């Protein structure tokens, strides 16, 4: 079981964590949303709780609550910069069954 970051994503997260001074890692979750069912949530984690799974990826802690792990297990998170105005996380998730046309939500197997 694991959720991993590419080198690009880890570099981006490290830079943002250094600026924030309050984060210890990246928290990844899902929430019900959109036309296909779920959206990804990404935030900086300030603590690790009892029901958290912690993965170390490229020297960054990736933190996932137990209730979200079945949807996120095996996922790789990349950080893609297409131009100065268009950049963000890209989620490569083997558990995705379908995606909406706009890319905002997914459904899981």
N, C-alpha and C. Protein backbone atom coordinates (compact mmCIF):
# COMPACT_ATOMS: atom_id res chain seq x y z
N UNK A 1 0.84 -1.19 0.00
CA UNK A 1 0.00 0.00 0.00
C UNK A 1 0.88 1.25 0.00
N UNK A 2 0.56 2.19 -0.87
CA UNK A 2 1.35 3.41 -0.90
C UNK A 2 0.69 4.46 -1.79
N UNK A 3 0.98 5.70 -1.47
CA UNK A 3 0.68 6.83 -2.33
C UNK A 3 2.01 7.54 -2.52
N UNK A 4 2.42 7.73 -3.76
CA UNK A 4 3.75 8.26 -4.05
C UNK A 4 3.72 9.58 -4.79
N UNK A 5 4.79 10.34 -4.64
CA UNK A 5 4.99 11.60 -5.36
C UNK A 5 6.12 11.43 -6.35
N UNK A 6 5.97 12.04 -7.53
CA UNK A 6 7.10 12.10 -8.44
C UNK A 6 8.11 13.11 -7.89
N UNK A 7 9.28 13.16 -8.48
CA UNK A 7 10.29 14.14 -8.04
C UNK A 7 9.77 15.56 -8.21
N UNK A 8 9.06 15.83 -9.31
CA UNK A 8 8.50 17.18 -9.54
C UNK A 8 7.50 17.55 -8.45
N UNK A 9 6.61 16.60 -8.11
CA UNK A 9 5.60 16.88 -7.08
C UNK A 9 6.27 17.06 -5.72
N UNK A 10 7.24 16.21 -5.41
CA UNK A 10 7.93 16.32 -4.11
C UNK A 10 8.66 17.65 -4.00
N UNK A 11 9.31 18.10 -5.06
CA UNK A 11 10.01 19.39 -5.04
C UNK A 11 9.04 20.53 -4.80
N UNK A 12 7.88 20.48 -5.45
CA UNK A 12 6.87 21.52 -5.28
C UNK A 12 6.35 21.53 -3.83
N UNK A 13 6.04 20.35 -3.31
CA UNK A 13 5.52 20.26 -1.94
C UNK A 13 6.56 20.74 -0.94
N UNK A 14 7.81 20.34 -1.11
CA UNK A 14 8.88 20.78 -0.20
C UNK A 14 8.98 22.31 -0.19
N UNK A 15 8.93 22.91 -1.35
CA UNK A 15 9.03 24.38 -1.44
C UNK A 15 7.85 25.04 -0.74
N UNK A 16 6.65 24.49 -0.92
CA UNK A 16 5.47 25.07 -0.28
C UNK A 16 5.51 24.86 1.23
N UNK A 17 5.98 23.70 1.69
CA UNK A 17 6.09 23.44 3.13
C UNK A 17 7.09 24.39 3.78
N UNK A 18 8.17 24.68 3.08
CA UNK A 18 9.17 25.62 3.63
C UNK A 18 8.59 27.02 3.78
N UNK A 19 7.74 27.42 2.85
CA UNK A 19 7.10 28.73 2.92
C UNK A 19 6.06 28.81 4.03
N UNK A 20 5.36 27.69 4.28
CA UNK A 20 4.24 27.73 5.22
C UNK A 20 4.68 27.65 6.68
N UNK A 21 5.77 26.97 6.96
CA UNK A 21 6.29 26.79 8.32
C UNK A 21 5.35 26.03 9.24
N UNK A 22 4.19 25.59 8.76
CA UNK A 22 3.26 24.89 9.64
C UNK A 22 2.97 23.46 9.20
N UNK A 23 3.42 23.10 8.03
CA UNK A 23 3.10 21.77 7.51
C UNK A 23 4.21 20.77 7.74
N UNK A 24 3.80 19.51 7.91
CA UNK A 24 4.77 18.44 8.08
C UNK A 24 4.73 17.46 6.90
N UNK A 25 3.76 17.64 6.02
CA UNK A 25 3.62 16.76 4.88
C UNK A 25 2.40 17.13 4.06
N UNK A 26 2.09 16.26 3.11
CA UNK A 26 0.96 16.48 2.21
C UNK A 26 -0.17 15.53 2.59
N UNK A 27 -1.36 16.07 2.86
CA UNK A 27 -2.53 15.25 3.17
C UNK A 27 -3.35 15.10 1.89
N UNK A 28 -3.68 13.84 1.56
CA UNK A 28 -4.45 13.54 0.35
C UNK A 28 -5.72 12.81 0.77
N UNK A 29 -6.85 13.21 0.19
CA UNK A 29 -8.13 12.62 0.54
C UNK A 29 -9.06 12.66 -0.67
N UNK A 30 -10.26 12.15 -0.49
CA UNK A 30 -11.31 12.26 -1.50
C UNK A 30 -12.54 12.85 -0.82
N UNK A 31 -13.42 13.42 -1.63
CA UNK A 31 -14.71 13.91 -1.13
C UNK A 31 -15.75 13.71 -2.22
N UNK A 32 -16.98 13.53 -1.83
CA UNK A 32 -18.06 13.36 -2.82
C UNK A 32 -18.23 14.68 -3.56
N UNK A 33 -18.21 14.58 -4.90
CA UNK A 33 -18.28 15.80 -5.69
C UNK A 33 -18.44 15.44 -7.17
N UNK A 34 -18.97 16.39 -7.92
CA UNK A 34 -18.98 16.29 -9.37
C UNK A 34 -19.93 15.26 -9.93
N UNK A 35 -19.87 15.11 -11.24
CA UNK A 35 -20.82 14.26 -11.94
C UNK A 35 -20.45 12.78 -11.89
N UNK A 36 -19.20 12.44 -11.59
CA UNK A 36 -18.85 11.02 -11.52
C UNK A 36 -18.67 10.52 -10.09
N UNK A 37 -18.73 11.40 -9.10
CA UNK A 37 -18.77 10.91 -7.73
C UNK A 37 -17.79 11.49 -6.73
N UNK A 38 -16.50 11.57 -7.07
CA UNK A 38 -15.50 11.99 -6.10
C UNK A 38 -14.49 12.96 -6.72
N UNK A 39 -13.95 13.79 -5.85
CA UNK A 39 -12.86 14.69 -6.24
C UNK A 39 -11.71 14.47 -5.26
N UNK A 40 -10.52 14.78 -5.70
CA UNK A 40 -9.36 14.69 -4.82
C UNK A 40 -9.24 15.97 -4.00
N UNK A 41 -8.81 15.82 -2.75
CA UNK A 41 -8.49 16.96 -1.90
C UNK A 41 -7.02 16.85 -1.53
N UNK A 42 -6.31 17.93 -1.66
CA UNK A 42 -4.90 17.97 -1.31
C UNK A 42 -4.69 19.19 -0.42
N UNK A 43 -4.01 18.97 0.71
CA UNK A 43 -3.75 20.06 1.63
C UNK A 43 -2.46 19.74 2.37
N UNK A 44 -1.94 20.72 3.05
CA UNK A 44 -0.75 20.49 3.85
C UNK A 44 -1.17 19.99 5.22
N UNK A 45 -0.52 18.94 5.69
CA UNK A 45 -0.85 18.35 6.98
C UNK A 45 -0.03 19.03 8.07
N UNK A 46 -0.69 19.35 9.17
CA UNK A 46 0.01 19.95 10.31
C UNK A 46 0.18 18.95 11.44
N UNK A 47 -0.49 17.78 11.33
CA UNK A 47 -0.36 16.76 12.36
C UNK A 47 -0.66 15.39 11.74
N UNK A 48 -0.28 14.36 12.48
CA UNK A 48 -0.59 12.99 12.09
C UNK A 48 -1.52 12.43 13.17
N UNK A 49 -2.65 11.89 12.72
CA UNK A 49 -3.65 11.38 13.64
C UNK A 49 -3.63 9.85 13.66
N UNK A 50 -4.33 9.29 14.63
CA UNK A 50 -4.30 7.85 14.86
C UNK A 50 -4.75 7.03 13.65
N UNK A 51 -5.73 7.53 12.89
CA UNK A 51 -6.25 6.77 11.74
C UNK A 51 -5.57 7.16 10.42
N UNK A 52 -4.40 7.79 10.49
CA UNK A 52 -3.64 8.18 9.31
C UNK A 52 -2.64 7.10 8.91
N UNK A 53 -2.45 6.96 7.62
CA UNK A 53 -1.36 6.16 7.07
C UNK A 53 -0.34 7.17 6.55
N UNK A 54 0.92 6.95 6.86
CA UNK A 54 1.97 7.87 6.46
C UNK A 54 2.93 7.14 5.53
N UNK A 55 3.12 7.71 4.35
CA UNK A 55 4.05 7.17 3.36
C UNK A 55 5.16 8.19 3.14
N UNK A 56 6.37 7.73 3.01
CA UNK A 56 7.50 8.61 2.73
C UNK A 56 7.80 8.48 1.24
N UNK A 57 7.77 9.59 0.52
CA UNK A 57 8.00 9.55 -0.93
C UNK A 57 8.88 10.72 -1.32
N UNK A 58 10.07 10.44 -1.82
CA UNK A 58 11.02 11.48 -2.22
C UNK A 58 11.21 12.50 -1.10
N UNK A 59 11.38 11.98 0.12
CA UNK A 59 11.63 12.79 1.33
C UNK A 59 10.46 13.69 1.74
N UNK A 60 9.25 13.32 1.33
CA UNK A 60 8.05 14.05 1.74
C UNK A 60 7.07 13.04 2.36
N UNK A 61 6.47 13.43 3.48
CA UNK A 61 5.43 12.59 4.08
C UNK A 61 4.12 12.81 3.32
N UNK A 62 3.51 11.70 2.89
CA UNK A 62 2.19 11.73 2.26
C UNK A 62 1.25 11.05 3.26
N UNK A 63 0.21 11.77 3.68
CA UNK A 63 -0.65 11.33 4.77
C UNK A 63 -2.06 11.11 4.24
N UNK A 64 -2.59 9.90 4.51
CA UNK A 64 -3.91 9.51 4.01
C UNK A 64 -4.70 8.89 5.16
N UNK A 65 -5.91 9.38 5.38
CA UNK A 65 -6.79 8.77 6.39
C UNK A 65 -7.20 7.37 5.93
N UNK A 66 -7.40 6.50 6.89
CA UNK A 66 -7.76 5.11 6.62
C UNK A 66 -8.98 5.01 5.69
N UNK A 67 -9.98 5.85 5.89
CA UNK A 67 -11.22 5.77 5.11
C UNK A 67 -11.03 6.10 3.63
N UNK A 68 -9.92 6.76 3.26
CA UNK A 68 -9.66 7.13 1.87
C UNK A 68 -8.66 6.20 1.19
N UNK A 69 -7.99 5.37 1.95
CA UNK A 69 -6.88 4.59 1.41
C UNK A 69 -7.30 3.65 0.29
N UNK A 70 -8.46 3.02 0.38
CA UNK A 70 -8.86 2.08 -0.68
C UNK A 70 -9.01 2.77 -2.03
N UNK A 71 -9.37 4.06 -2.03
CA UNK A 71 -9.50 4.82 -3.28
C UNK A 71 -8.14 5.29 -3.80
N UNK A 72 -7.18 5.49 -2.90
CA UNK A 72 -5.93 6.15 -3.26
C UNK A 72 -4.72 5.22 -3.32
N UNK A 73 -4.86 3.99 -2.86
CA UNK A 73 -3.74 3.06 -2.81
C UNK A 73 -3.17 2.82 -4.21
N UNK A 74 -1.87 3.00 -4.35
CA UNK A 74 -1.21 2.82 -5.63
C UNK A 74 -1.13 4.07 -6.49
N UNK A 75 -1.69 5.17 -6.02
CA UNK A 75 -1.71 6.41 -6.79
C UNK A 75 -0.35 7.09 -6.79
N UNK A 76 -0.03 7.70 -7.91
CA UNK A 76 1.17 8.53 -8.05
C UNK A 76 0.69 9.95 -8.33
N UNK A 77 1.25 10.90 -7.60
CA UNK A 77 0.90 12.31 -7.78
C UNK A 77 2.08 13.01 -8.44
N UNK A 78 1.81 13.66 -9.55
CA UNK A 78 2.82 14.42 -10.28
C UNK A 78 2.47 15.89 -10.18
N UNK A 79 3.44 16.75 -10.43
CA UNK A 79 3.18 18.19 -10.52
C UNK A 79 3.58 18.62 -11.92
N UNK A 80 2.60 19.14 -12.66
CA UNK A 80 2.80 19.46 -14.06
C UNK A 80 2.66 20.96 -14.26
N UNK A 81 3.62 21.54 -14.95
CA UNK A 81 3.57 22.96 -15.29
C UNK A 81 3.56 23.07 -16.81
N UNK A 82 2.39 23.47 -17.37
CA UNK A 82 2.26 23.58 -18.81
C UNK A 82 2.73 24.94 -19.32
N UNK A 83 2.48 25.97 -18.52
CA UNK A 83 2.96 27.32 -18.84
C UNK A 83 2.87 28.14 -17.56
N UNK A 84 3.14 29.43 -17.63
CA UNK A 84 3.16 30.27 -16.42
C UNK A 84 1.83 30.30 -15.68
N UNK A 85 0.73 30.14 -16.40
CA UNK A 85 -0.58 30.26 -15.79
C UNK A 85 -1.27 28.92 -15.53
N UNK A 86 -0.71 27.84 -16.05
CA UNK A 86 -1.38 26.56 -15.94
C UNK A 86 -0.44 25.52 -15.33
N UNK A 87 -0.62 25.26 -14.04
CA UNK A 87 0.18 24.26 -13.36
C UNK A 87 -0.66 23.64 -12.25
N UNK A 88 -0.30 22.43 -11.86
CA UNK A 88 -1.03 21.78 -10.78
C UNK A 88 -0.70 20.31 -10.66
N UNK A 89 -1.35 19.69 -9.69
CA UNK A 89 -1.13 18.27 -9.45
C UNK A 89 -1.87 17.44 -10.49
N UNK A 90 -1.25 16.34 -10.89
CA UNK A 90 -1.83 15.37 -11.80
C UNK A 90 -1.87 14.05 -11.05
N UNK A 91 -3.04 13.42 -10.99
CA UNK A 91 -3.24 12.21 -10.22
C UNK A 91 -3.30 11.01 -11.15
N UNK A 92 -2.35 10.09 -11.00
CA UNK A 92 -2.32 8.86 -11.78
C UNK A 92 -2.74 7.75 -10.83
N UNK A 93 -4.02 7.34 -10.96
CA UNK A 93 -4.62 6.46 -9.97
C UNK A 93 -5.15 5.19 -10.63
N UNK A 94 -4.59 4.02 -10.28
CA UNK A 94 -5.06 2.77 -10.89
C UNK A 94 -6.45 2.35 -10.42
N UNK A 95 -7.00 3.02 -9.43
CA UNK A 95 -8.32 2.68 -8.90
C UNK A 95 -9.46 3.42 -9.58
N UNK A 96 -9.15 4.31 -10.51
CA UNK A 96 -10.18 5.10 -11.18
C UNK A 96 -10.88 4.24 -12.24
N UNK A 97 -12.19 4.27 -12.18
CA UNK A 97 -13.00 3.55 -13.15
C UNK A 97 -13.45 4.48 -14.28
N UNK A 98 -13.76 5.73 -13.93
CA UNK A 98 -14.28 6.67 -14.92
C UNK A 98 -13.94 8.09 -14.48
N UNK A 99 -13.83 9.00 -15.45
CA UNK A 99 -13.58 10.41 -15.17
C UNK A 99 -14.63 11.24 -15.89
N UNK A 100 -14.99 12.36 -15.30
CA UNK A 100 -15.92 13.25 -16.00
C UNK A 100 -15.18 13.96 -17.13
N UNK A 101 -15.91 14.52 -18.04
CA UNK A 101 -15.32 15.17 -19.21
C UNK A 101 -14.42 16.34 -18.88
N UNK A 102 -14.72 17.06 -17.82
CA UNK A 102 -13.91 18.24 -17.47
C UNK A 102 -12.72 17.88 -16.58
N UNK A 103 -12.66 16.63 -16.11
CA UNK A 103 -11.53 16.19 -15.30
C UNK A 103 -11.61 16.58 -13.84
N UNK A 104 -12.75 17.07 -13.39
CA UNK A 104 -12.89 17.51 -12.01
C UNK A 104 -13.27 16.40 -11.04
N UNK A 105 -13.87 15.32 -11.54
CA UNK A 105 -14.27 14.25 -10.64
C UNK A 105 -14.02 12.89 -11.27
N UNK A 106 -13.99 11.87 -10.40
CA UNK A 106 -13.71 10.50 -10.83
C UNK A 106 -14.64 9.55 -10.09
N UNK A 107 -14.75 8.34 -10.62
CA UNK A 107 -15.39 7.26 -9.87
C UNK A 107 -14.37 6.14 -9.72
N UNK A 108 -14.53 5.36 -8.68
CA UNK A 108 -13.56 4.32 -8.38
C UNK A 108 -14.13 2.94 -8.60
N UNK A 109 -13.23 1.98 -8.84
CA UNK A 109 -13.62 0.58 -9.05
C UNK A 109 -14.21 0.02 -7.77
